[in-house]
Each structure stands twice: as structure tokens, then as C-alpha cells.
Amino acid sequence: MKEFTITPFEAETIRINIGDESFQIPLMSSLSLEEAVQVETSAGTISVLSKYIPEKIMNQLKIAEFNEMVSIWRKASEKAAKKSAGES
């Protein structure tokens, strides 16, 4: 029987600044499986990001601001995934 050990690692994050506040959001590769499944829908993405950004601030975001934040987060996640796969 083969055996392997998964060593916990520090989550990769992106810092999102909203107004005068900053929030650390894990990149997609650092999400739990439960969170990763949720980001397949808009409601799920809102739910996951709400764990890292207070509800009061999330509720004040305009749709365009939210979409821009999600786009930046997804691009940073894709870039990090490519680097961890050996690409630069």
C-alpha cells in the first residue's frame, strides 16, 4: 500500500482594499473543499467572500464593484495556480 502525507501550508491570500479597510481573502487553491464548491454560483461566491469581508461592507458594494473584486480575485487565483504548476 502506498502512503502519503499532506502537510498543512499557509494559505495564499490576496489583499482587497475597500475604502479605508483591508481584507485578506484566500486564493481559490487555499479554499476548503466546501468553499470551493460554493464559488460555482454567484450566491455561493457572495457567501464565501462574506466570511472574509464583514456583511456591512459587502452590503454597501455596488454590483460593478463586487464584480471587479471577484474578477481580480479569480485572476490572482489563476495566476497562482499556474505558478504552482511550474509555469511563470
PDB file of N, CA and C in Angstrom:
ATOM      1  N   MET A   1       0.843  -1.184   0.000  1.00  0.00           N
ATOM      2  CA  MET A   1       0.000   0.000   0.000  1.00  0.00           C
ATOM      3  C   MET A   1       0.885   1.243   0.000  1.00  0.00           C
ATOM      4  N   LYS A   2       0.542   2.179  -0.859  1.00  0.00           N
ATOM      5  CA  LYS A   2       1.271   3.442  -0.891  1.00  0.00           C
ATOM      6  C   LYS A   2       0.727   4.356   0.190  1.00  0.00           C
ATOM      7  N   GLU A   3       1.572   5.241   0.644  1.00  0.00           N
ATOM      8  CA  GLU A   3       1.176   6.177   1.702  1.00  0.00           C
ATOM      9  C   GLU A   3       1.722   7.554   1.358  1.00  0.00           C
ATOM     10  N   PHE A   4       0.960   8.567   1.679  1.00  0.00           N
ATOM     11  CA  PHE A   4       1.452   9.933   1.512  1.00  0.00           C
ATOM     12  C   PHE A   4       0.930  10.780   2.655  1.00  0.00           C
ATOM     13  N   THR A   5       1.626  11.863   2.896  1.00  0.00           N
ATOM     14  CA  THR A   5       1.260  12.769   3.979  1.00  0.00           C
ATOM     15  C   THR A   5       1.029  14.156   3.394  1.00  0.00           C
ATOM     16  N   ILE A   6      -0.074  14.743   3.757  1.00  0.00           N
ATOM     17  CA  ILE A   6      -0.361  16.114   3.331  1.00  0.00           C
ATOM     18  C   ILE A   6       0.059  17.028   4.473  1.00  0.00           C
ATOM     19  N   THR A   7       0.971  17.908   4.173  1.00  0.00           N
ATOM     20  CA  THR A   7       1.470  18.842   5.175  1.00  0.00           C
ATOM     21  C   THR A   7       0.685  20.147   5.064  1.00  0.00           C
ATOM     22  N   PRO A   8       0.091  20.580   6.164  1.00  0.00           N
ATOM     23  CA  PRO A   8      -0.634  21.855   6.107  1.00  0.00           C
ATOM     24  C   PRO A   8       0.311  22.982   5.663  1.00  0.00           C
ATOM     25  N   PHE A   9      -0.225  23.906   4.916  1.00  0.00           N
ATOM     26  CA  PHE A   9       0.581  25.022   4.443  1.00  0.00           C
ATOM     27  C   PHE A   9      -0.160  26.328   4.715  1.00  0.00           C
ATOM     28  N   GLU A  10       0.585  27.398   4.641  1.00  0.00           N
ATOM     29  CA  GLU A  10      -0.003  28.716   4.847  1.00  0.00           C
ATOM     30  C   GLU A  10      -0.846  29.077   3.622  1.00  0.00           C
ATOM     31  N   ALA A  11      -2.055  29.508   3.869  1.00  0.00           N
ATOM     32  CA  ALA A  11      -2.962  29.877   2.781  1.00  0.00           C
ATOM     33  C   ALA A  11      -2.407  31.072   2.006  1.00  0.00           C
ATOM     34  N   GLU A  12      -2.501  30.983   0.683  1.00  0.00           N
ATOM     35  CA  GLU A  12      -2.158  32.130  -0.160  1.00  0.00           C
ATOM     36  C   GLU A  12      -3.371  33.049  -0.182  1.00  0.00           C
ATOM     37  N   THR A  13      -3.129  34.334  -0.029  1.00  0.00           N
ATOM     38  CA  THR A  13      -4.228  35.286   0.021  1.00  0.00           C
ATOM     39  C   THR A  13      -3.968  36.458  -0.913  1.00  0.00           C
ATOM     40  N   ILE A  14      -5.018  37.224  -1.119  1.00  0.00           N
ATOM     41  CA  ILE A  14      -4.929  38.498  -1.816  1.00  0.00           C
ATOM     42  C   ILE A  14      -5.507  39.545  -0.869  1.00  0.00           C
ATOM     43  N   ARG A  15      -4.879  40.698  -0.845  1.00  0.00           N
ATOM     44  CA  ARG A  15      -5.375  41.792  -0.008  1.00  0.00           C
ATOM     45  C   ARG A  15      -6.310  42.644  -0.860  1.00  0.00           C
ATOM     46  N   ILE A  16      -7.523  42.788  -0.389  1.00  0.00           N
ATOM     47  CA  ILE A  16      -8.519  43.633  -1.059  1.00  0.00           C
ATOM     48  C   ILE A  16      -8.757  44.844  -0.177  1.00  0.00           C
ATOM     49  N   ASN A  17      -8.585  46.026  -0.752  1.00  0.00           N
ATOM     50  CA  ASN A  17      -8.841  47.269  -0.021  1.00  0.00           C
ATOM     51  C   ASN A  17     -10.205  47.799  -0.439  1.00  0.00           C
ATOM     52  N   ILE A  18     -11.027  48.064   0.551  1.00  0.00           N
ATOM     53  CA  ILE A  18     -12.346  48.654   0.310  1.00  0.00           C
ATOM     54  C   ILE A  18     -12.434  49.869   1.220  1.00  0.00           C
ATOM     55  N   GLY A  19     -12.454  51.039   0.598  1.00  0.00           N
ATOM     56  CA  GLY A  19     -12.425  52.261   1.396  1.00  0.00           C
ATOM     57  C   GLY A  19     -11.128  52.312   2.191  1.00  0.00           C
ATOM     58  N   ASP A  20     -11.238  52.541   3.493  1.00  0.00           N
ATOM     59  CA  ASP A  20     -10.065  52.632   4.359  1.00  0.00           C
ATOM     60  C   ASP A  20      -9.673  51.299   4.982  1.00  0.00           C
ATOM     61  N   GLU A  21     -10.371  50.227   4.630  1.00  0.00           N
ATOM     62  CA  GLU A  21     -10.116  48.935   5.261  1.00  0.00           C
ATOM     63  C   GLU A  21      -9.523  47.939   4.276  1.00  0.00           C
ATOM     64  N   SER A  22      -8.756  46.993   4.817  1.00  0.00           N
ATOM     65  CA  SER A  22      -8.127  45.938   4.026  1.00  0.00           C
ATOM     66  C   SER A  22      -8.590  44.583   4.525  1.00  0.00           C
ATOM     67  N   PHE A  23      -8.725  43.652   3.582  1.00  0.00           N
ATOM     68  CA  PHE A  23      -9.186  42.318   3.924  1.00  0.00           C
ATOM     69  C   PHE A  23      -8.330  41.293   3.197  1.00  0.00           C
ATOM     70  N   GLN A  24      -7.949  40.233   3.887  1.00  0.00           N
ATOM     71  CA  GLN A  24      -7.186  39.138   3.305  1.00  0.00           C
ATOM     72  C   GLN A  24      -8.181  38.052   2.887  1.00  0.00           C
ATOM     73  N   ILE A  25      -8.188  37.722   1.623  1.00  0.00           N
ATOM     74  CA  ILE A  25      -9.085  36.698   1.101  1.00  0.00           C
ATOM     75  C   ILE A  25      -8.224  35.568   0.532  1.00  0.00           C
ATOM     76  N   PRO A  26      -8.475  34.332   0.949  1.00  0.00           N
ATOM     77  CA  PRO A  26      -7.692  33.211   0.406  1.00  0.00           C
ATOM     78  C   PRO A  26      -7.919  33.073  -1.101  1.00  0.00           C
ATOM     79  N   LEU A  27      -6.844  32.760  -1.809  1.00  0.00           N
ATOM     80  CA  LEU A  27      -6.988  32.448  -3.222  1.00  0.00           C
ATOM     81  C   LEU A  27      -7.712  31.109  -3.333  1.00  0.00           C
ATOM     82  N   MET A  28      -8.238  30.816  -4.494  1.00  0.00           N
ATOM     83  CA  MET A  28      -9.077  29.631  -4.662  1.00  0.00           C
ATOM     84  C   MET A  28      -8.379  28.340  -4.252  1.00  0.00           C
ATOM     85  N   SER A  29      -7.085  28.223  -4.514  1.00  0.00           N
ATOM     86  CA  SER A  29      -6.372  26.992  -4.147  1.00  0.00           C
ATOM     87  C   SER A  29      -6.248  26.821  -2.637  1.00  0.00           C
ATOM     88  N   SER A  30      -6.513  27.876  -1.891  1.00  0.00           N
ATOM     89  CA  SER A  30      -6.431  27.823  -0.437  1.00  0.00           C
ATOM     90  C   SER A  30      -7.807  27.713   0.224  1.00  0.00           C
ATOM     91  N   LEU A  31      -8.864  27.628  -0.577  1.00  0.00           N
ATOM     92  CA  LEU A  31     -10.203  27.450  -0.022  1.00  0.00           C
ATOM     93  C   LEU A  31     -10.402  26.007   0.422  1.00  0.00           C
ATOM     94  N   SER A  32     -11.309  25.811   1.359  1.00  0.00           N
ATOM     95  CA  SER A  32     -11.692  24.454   1.726  1.00  0.00           C
ATOM     96  C   SER A  32     -12.508  23.869   0.573  1.00  0.00           C
ATOM     97  N   LEU A  33     -12.684  22.565   0.565  1.00  0.00           N
ATOM     98  CA  LEU A  33     -13.499  21.938  -0.483  1.00  0.00           C
ATOM     99  C   LEU A  33     -14.921  22.484  -0.456  1.00  0.00           C
ATOM    100  N   GLU A  34     -15.461  22.664   0.743  1.00  0.00           N
ATOM    101  CA  GLU A  34     -16.818  23.201   0.881  1.00  0.00           C
ATOM    102  C   GLU A  34     -16.933  24.589   0.248  1.00  0.00           C
ATOM    103  N   GLU A  35     -15.940  25.436   0.498  1.00  0.00           N
ATOM    104  CA  GLU A  35     -15.952  26.783  -0.079  1.00  0.00           C
ATOM    105  C   GLU A  35     -15.770  26.727  -1.594  1.00  0.00           C
ATOM    106  N   ALA A  36     -14.879  25.858  -2.063  1.00  0.00           N
ATOM    107  CA  ALA A  36     -14.600  25.761  -3.498  1.00  0.00           C
ATOM    108  C   ALA A  36     -15.858  25.394  -4.288  1.00  0.00           C
ATOM    109  N   VAL A  37     -16.656  24.505  -3.747  1.00  0.00           N
ATOM    110  CA  VAL A  37     -17.899  24.115  -4.415  1.00  0.00           C
ATOM    111  C   VAL A  37     -18.867  25.300  -4.451  1.00  0.00           C
ATOM    112  N   GLN A  38     -18.882  26.085  -3.402  1.00  0.00           N
ATOM    113  CA  GLN A  38     -19.809  27.216  -3.331  1.00  0.00           C
ATOM    114  C   GLN A  38     -19.519  28.285  -4.365  1.00  0.00           C
ATOM    115  N   VAL A  39     -18.251  28.501  -4.712  1.00  0.00           N
ATOM    116  CA  VAL A  39     -17.928  29.604  -5.632  1.00  0.00           C
ATOM    117  C   VAL A  39     -18.335  29.311  -7.077  1.00  0.00           C
ATOM    118  N   GLU A  40     -18.999  28.194  -7.300  1.00  0.00           N
ATOM    119  CA  GLU A  40     -19.504  27.887  -8.641  1.00  0.00           C
ATOM    120  C   GLU A  40     -20.773  28.672  -8.963  1.00  0.00           C
ATOM    121  N   THR A  41     -21.368  29.317  -7.946  1.00  0.00           N
ATOM    122  CA  THR A  41     -22.553  30.153  -8.166  1.00  0.00           C
ATOM    123  C   THR A  41     -22.304  31.545  -7.605  1.00  0.00           C
ATOM    124  N   SER A  42     -23.060  32.511  -8.083  1.00  0.00           N
ATOM    125  CA  SER A  42     -22.925  33.884  -7.573  1.00  0.00           C
ATOM    126  C   SER A  42     -23.252  33.950  -6.086  1.00  0.00           C
ATOM    127  N   ALA A  43     -24.348  33.290  -5.696  1.00  0.00           N
ATOM    128  CA  ALA A  43     -24.749  33.306  -4.284  1.00  0.00           C
ATOM    129  C   ALA A  43     -23.678  32.643  -3.418  1.00  0.00           C
ATOM    130  N   GLY A  44     -23.099  31.571  -3.925  1.00  0.00           N
ATOM    131  CA  GLY A  44     -22.045  30.890  -3.187  1.00  0.00           C
ATOM    132  C   GLY A  44     -20.798  31.746  -3.056  1.00  0.00           C
ATOM    133  N   THR A  45     -20.453  32.459  -4.128  1.00  0.00           N
ATOM    134  CA  THR A  45     -19.295  33.353  -4.084  1.00  0.00           C
ATOM    135  C   THR A  45     -19.513  34.444  -3.053  1.00  0.00           C
ATOM    136  N   ILE A  46     -20.695  35.004  -3.025  1.00  0.00           N
ATOM    137  CA  ILE A  46     -21.016  36.024  -2.022  1.00  0.00           C
ATOM    138  C   ILE A  46     -20.881  35.432  -0.624  1.00  0.00           C
ATOM    139  N   SER A  47     -21.384  34.231  -0.439  1.00  0.00           N
ATOM    140  CA  SER A  47     -21.314  33.564   0.860  1.00  0.00           C
ATOM    141  C   SER A  47     -19.869  33.356   1.312  1.00  0.00           C
ATOM    142  N   VAL A  48     -19.024  32.879   0.403  1.00  0.00           N
ATOM    143  CA  VAL A  48     -17.619  32.639   0.744  1.00  0.00           C
ATOM    144  C   VAL A  48     -16.910  33.948   1.056  1.00  0.00           C
ATOM    145  N   LEU A  49     -17.061  34.949   0.208  1.00  0.00           N
ATOM    146  CA  LEU A  49     -16.373  36.221   0.437  1.00  0.00           C
ATOM    147  C   LEU A  49     -16.869  36.912   1.705  1.00  0.00           C
ATOM    148  N   SER A  50     -18.117  36.658   2.072  1.00  0.00           N
ATOM    149  CA  SER A  50     -18.674  37.251   3.292  1.00  0.00           C
ATOM    150  C   SER A  50     -18.019  36.697   4.556  1.00  0.00           C
ATOM    151  N   LYS A  51     -17.320  35.598   4.425  1.00  0.00           N
ATOM    152  CA  LYS A  51     -16.580  35.057   5.573  1.00  0.00           C
ATOM    153  C   LYS A  51     -15.345  35.899   5.868  1.00  0.00           C
ATOM    154  N   TYR A  52     -14.886  36.635   4.867  1.00  0.00           N
ATOM    155  CA  TYR A  52     -13.642  37.393   4.973  1.00  0.00           C
ATOM    156  C   TYR A  52     -13.850  38.901   4.950  1.00  0.00           C
ATOM    157  N   ILE A  53     -15.010  39.323   4.487  1.00  0.00           N
ATOM    158  CA  ILE A  53     -15.357  40.747   4.437  1.00  0.00           C
ATOM    159  C   ILE A  53     -16.647  40.914   5.229  1.00  0.00           C
ATOM    160  N   PRO A  54     -16.670  41.811   6.205  1.00  0.00           N
ATOM    161  CA  PRO A  54     -17.878  41.972   7.033  1.00  0.00           C
ATOM    162  C   PRO A  54     -19.130  42.273   6.201  1.00  0.00           C
ATOM    163  N   GLU A  55     -20.244  41.743   6.666  1.00  0.00           N
ATOM    164  CA  GLU A  55     -21.523  41.881   5.972  1.00  0.00           C
ATOM    165  C   GLU A  55     -21.866  43.346   5.692  1.00  0.00           C
ATOM    166  N   LYS A  56     -21.612  44.202   6.657  1.00  0.00           N
ATOM    167  CA  LYS A  56     -21.921  45.631   6.494  1.00  0.00           C
ATOM    168  C   LYS A  56     -21.206  46.210   5.267  1.00  0.00           C
ATOM    169  N   ILE A  57     -19.963  45.825   5.072  1.00  0.00           N
ATOM    170  CA  ILE A  57     -19.184  46.330   3.941  1.00  0.00           C
ATOM    171  C   ILE A  57     -19.624  45.651   2.642  1.00  0.00           C
ATOM    172  N   MET A  58     -19.840  44.341   2.688  1.00  0.00           N
ATOM    173  CA  MET A  58     -20.310  43.618   1.491  1.00  0.00           C
ATOM    174  C   MET A  58     -21.616  44.209   0.991  1.00  0.00           C
ATOM    175  N   ASN A  59     -22.532  44.509   1.894  1.00  0.00           N
ATOM    176  CA  ASN A  59     -23.843  45.022   1.505  1.00  0.00           C
ATOM    177  C   ASN A  59     -23.785  46.421   0.900  1.00  0.00           C
ATOM    178  N   GLN A  60     -22.711  47.145   1.143  1.00  0.00           N
ATOM    179  CA  GLN A  60     -22.574  48.501   0.600  1.00  0.00           C
ATOM    180  C   GLN A  60     -21.943  48.518  -0.793  1.00  0.00           C
ATOM    181  N   LEU A  61     -21.386  47.387  -1.207  1.00  0.00           N
ATOM    182  CA  LEU A  61     -20.738  47.336  -2.518  1.00  0.00           C
ATOM    183  C   LEU A  61     -21.770  47.420  -3.640  1.00  0.00           C
ATOM    184  N   LYS A  62     -21.443  48.155  -4.652  1.00  0.00           N
ATOM    185  CA  LYS A  62     -22.251  48.183  -5.873  1.00  0.00           C
ATOM    186  C   LYS A  62     -21.937  46.915  -6.661  1.00  0.00           C
ATOM    187  N   ILE A  63     -22.830  46.496  -7.525  1.00  0.00           N
ATOM    188  CA  ILE A  63     -22.620  45.296  -8.332  1.00  0.00           C
ATOM    189  C   ILE A  63     -21.321  45.400  -9.133  1.00  0.00           C
ATOM    190  N   ALA A  64     -21.064  46.540  -9.728  1.00  0.00           N
ATOM    191  CA  ALA A  64     -19.842  46.727 -10.519  1.00  0.00           C
ATOM    192  C   ALA A  64     -18.596  46.581  -9.642  1.00  0.00           C
ATOM    193  N   GLU A  65     -18.641  47.090  -8.421  1.00  0.00           N
ATOM    194  CA  GLU A  65     -17.504  46.967  -7.501  1.00  0.00           C
ATOM    195  C   GLU A  65     -17.297  45.506  -7.100  1.00  0.00           C
ATOM    196  N   PHE A  66     -18.394  44.827  -6.796  1.00  0.00           N
ATOM    197  CA  PHE A  66     -18.317  43.420  -6.424  1.00  0.00           C
ATOM    198  C   PHE A  66     -17.747  42.598  -7.581  1.00  0.00           C
ATOM    199  N   ASN A  67     -18.255  42.832  -8.782  1.00  0.00           N
ATOM    200  CA  ASN A  67     -17.777  42.096  -9.956  1.00  0.00           C
ATOM    201  C   ASN A  67     -16.294  42.332 -10.206  1.00  0.00           C
ATOM    202  N   GLU A  68     -15.843  43.566 -10.018  1.00  0.00           N
ATOM    203  CA  GLU A  68     -14.423  43.881 -10.197  1.00  0.00           C
ATOM    204  C   GLU A  68     -13.578  43.133  -9.154  1.00  0.00           C
ATOM    205  N   MET A  69     -14.050  43.114  -7.911  1.00  0.00           N
ATOM    206  CA  MET A  69     -13.334  42.415  -6.841  1.00  0.00           C
ATOM    207  C   MET A  69     -13.228  40.923  -7.157  1.00  0.00           C
ATOM    208  N   VAL A  70     -14.324  40.319  -7.576  1.00  0.00           N
ATOM    209  CA  VAL A  70     -14.329  38.890  -7.903  1.00  0.00           C
ATOM    210  C   VAL A  70     -13.414  38.614  -9.095  1.00  0.00           C
ATOM    211  N   SER A  71     -13.434  39.476 -10.088  1.00  0.00           N
ATOM    212  CA  SER A  71     -12.577  39.304 -11.263  1.00  0.00           C
ATOM    213  C   SER A  71     -11.097  39.343 -10.864  1.00  0.00           C
ATOM    214  N   ILE A  72     -10.721  40.294 -10.030  1.00  0.00           N
ATOM    215  CA  ILE A  72      -9.335  40.414  -9.571  1.00  0.00           C
ATOM    216  C   ILE A  72      -8.939  39.184  -8.758  1.00  0.00           C
ATOM    217  N   TRP A  73      -9.839  38.739  -7.887  1.00  0.00           N
ATOM    218  CA  TRP A  73      -9.594  37.557  -7.047  1.00  0.00           C
ATOM    219  C   TRP A  73      -9.409  36.307  -7.914  1.00  0.00           C
ATOM    220  N   ARG A  74     -10.269  36.136  -8.915  1.00  0.00           N
ATOM    221  CA  ARG A  74     -10.165  34.969  -9.799  1.00  0.00           C
ATOM    222  C   ARG A  74      -8.864  35.005 -10.612  1.00  0.00           C
ATOM    223  N   LYS A  75      -8.504  36.182 -11.133  1.00  0.00           N
ATOM    224  CA  LYS A  75      -7.268  36.299 -11.916  1.00  0.00           C
ATOM    225  C   LYS A  75      -6.048  36.000 -11.053  1.00  0.00           C
ATOM    226  N   ALA A  76      -6.020  36.518  -9.825  1.00  0.00           N
ATOM    227  CA  ALA A  76      -4.909  36.240  -8.911  1.00  0.00           C
ATOM    228  C   ALA A  76      -4.843  34.751  -8.584  1.00  0.00           C
ATOM    229  N   SER A  77      -5.995  34.127  -8.430  1.00  0.00           N
ATOM    230  CA  SER A  77      -6.054  32.690  -8.147  1.00  0.00           C
ATOM    231  C   SER A  77      -5.522  31.879  -9.320  1.00  0.00           C
ATOM    232  N   GLU A  78      -5.914  32.247 -10.540  1.00  0.00           N
ATOM    233  CA  GLU A  78      -5.438  31.553 -11.737  1.00  0.00           C
ATOM    234  C   GLU A  78      -3.932  31.710 -11.914  1.00  0.00           C
ATOM    235  N   LYS A  79      -3.448  32.912 -11.670  1.00  0.00           N
ATOM    236  CA  LYS A  79      -2.004  33.184 -11.797  1.00  0.00           C
ATOM    237  C   LYS A  79      -1.224  32.343 -10.788  1.00  0.00           C
ATOM    238  N   ALA A  80      -1.703  32.278  -9.557  1.00  0.00           N
ATOM    239  CA  ALA A  80      -1.020  31.485  -8.514  1.00  0.00           C
ATOM    240  C   ALA A  80      -1.056  30.002  -8.857  1.00  0.00           C
ATOM    241  N   ALA A  81      -2.161  29.537  -9.422  1.00  0.00           N
ATOM    242  CA  ALA A  81      -2.290  28.115  -9.792  1.00  0.00           C
ATOM    243  C   ALA A  81      -1.286  27.760 -10.902  1.00  0.00           C
ATOM    244  N   LYS A  82      -1.110  28.656 -11.850  1.00  0.00           N
ATOM    245  CA  LYS A  82      -0.156  28.419 -12.929  1.00  0.00           C
ATOM    246  C   LYS A  82       1.262  28.368 -12.385  1.00  0.00           C
ATOM    247  N   LYS A  83       1.588  29.266 -11.454  1.00  0.00           N
ATOM    248  CA  LYS A  83       2.942  29.282 -10.864  1.00  0.00           C
ATOM    249  C   LYS A  83       3.200  28.002 -10.081  1.00  0.00           C
ATOM    250  N   SER A  84       2.194  27.521  -9.338  1.00  0.00           N
ATOM    251  CA  SER A  84       2.407  26.306  -8.554  1.00  0.00           C
ATOM    252  C   SER A  84       2.497  25.076  -9.447  1.00  0.00           C
ATOM    253  N   ALA A  85       2.020  25.194 -10.674  1.00  0.00           N
ATOM    254  CA  ALA A  85       2.129  24.085 -11.638  1.00  0.00           C
ATOM    255  C   ALA A  85       3.456  24.154 -12.399  1.00  0.00           C
ATOM    256  N   GLY A  86       4.298  25.122 -12.064  1.00  0.00           N
ATOM    257  CA  GLY A  86       5.610  25.211 -12.686  1.00  0.00           C
ATOM    258  C   GLY A  86       5.714  26.220 -13.806  1.00  0.00           C
ATOM    259  N   GLU A  87       4.638  26.903 -14.128  1.00  0.00           N
ATOM    260  CA  GLU A  87       4.693  27.923 -15.171  1.00  0.00           C
ATOM    261  C   GLU A  87       5.040  29.256 -14.547  1.00  0.00           C
ATOM    262  N   SER A  88       5.544  30.178 -15.355  1.00  0.00           N
ATOM    263  CA  SER A  88       5.850  31.505 -14.841  1.00  0.00           C
ATOM    264  C   SER A  88       5.038  32.569 -15.521  1.00  0.00           C
TER     265      SER A  88
END
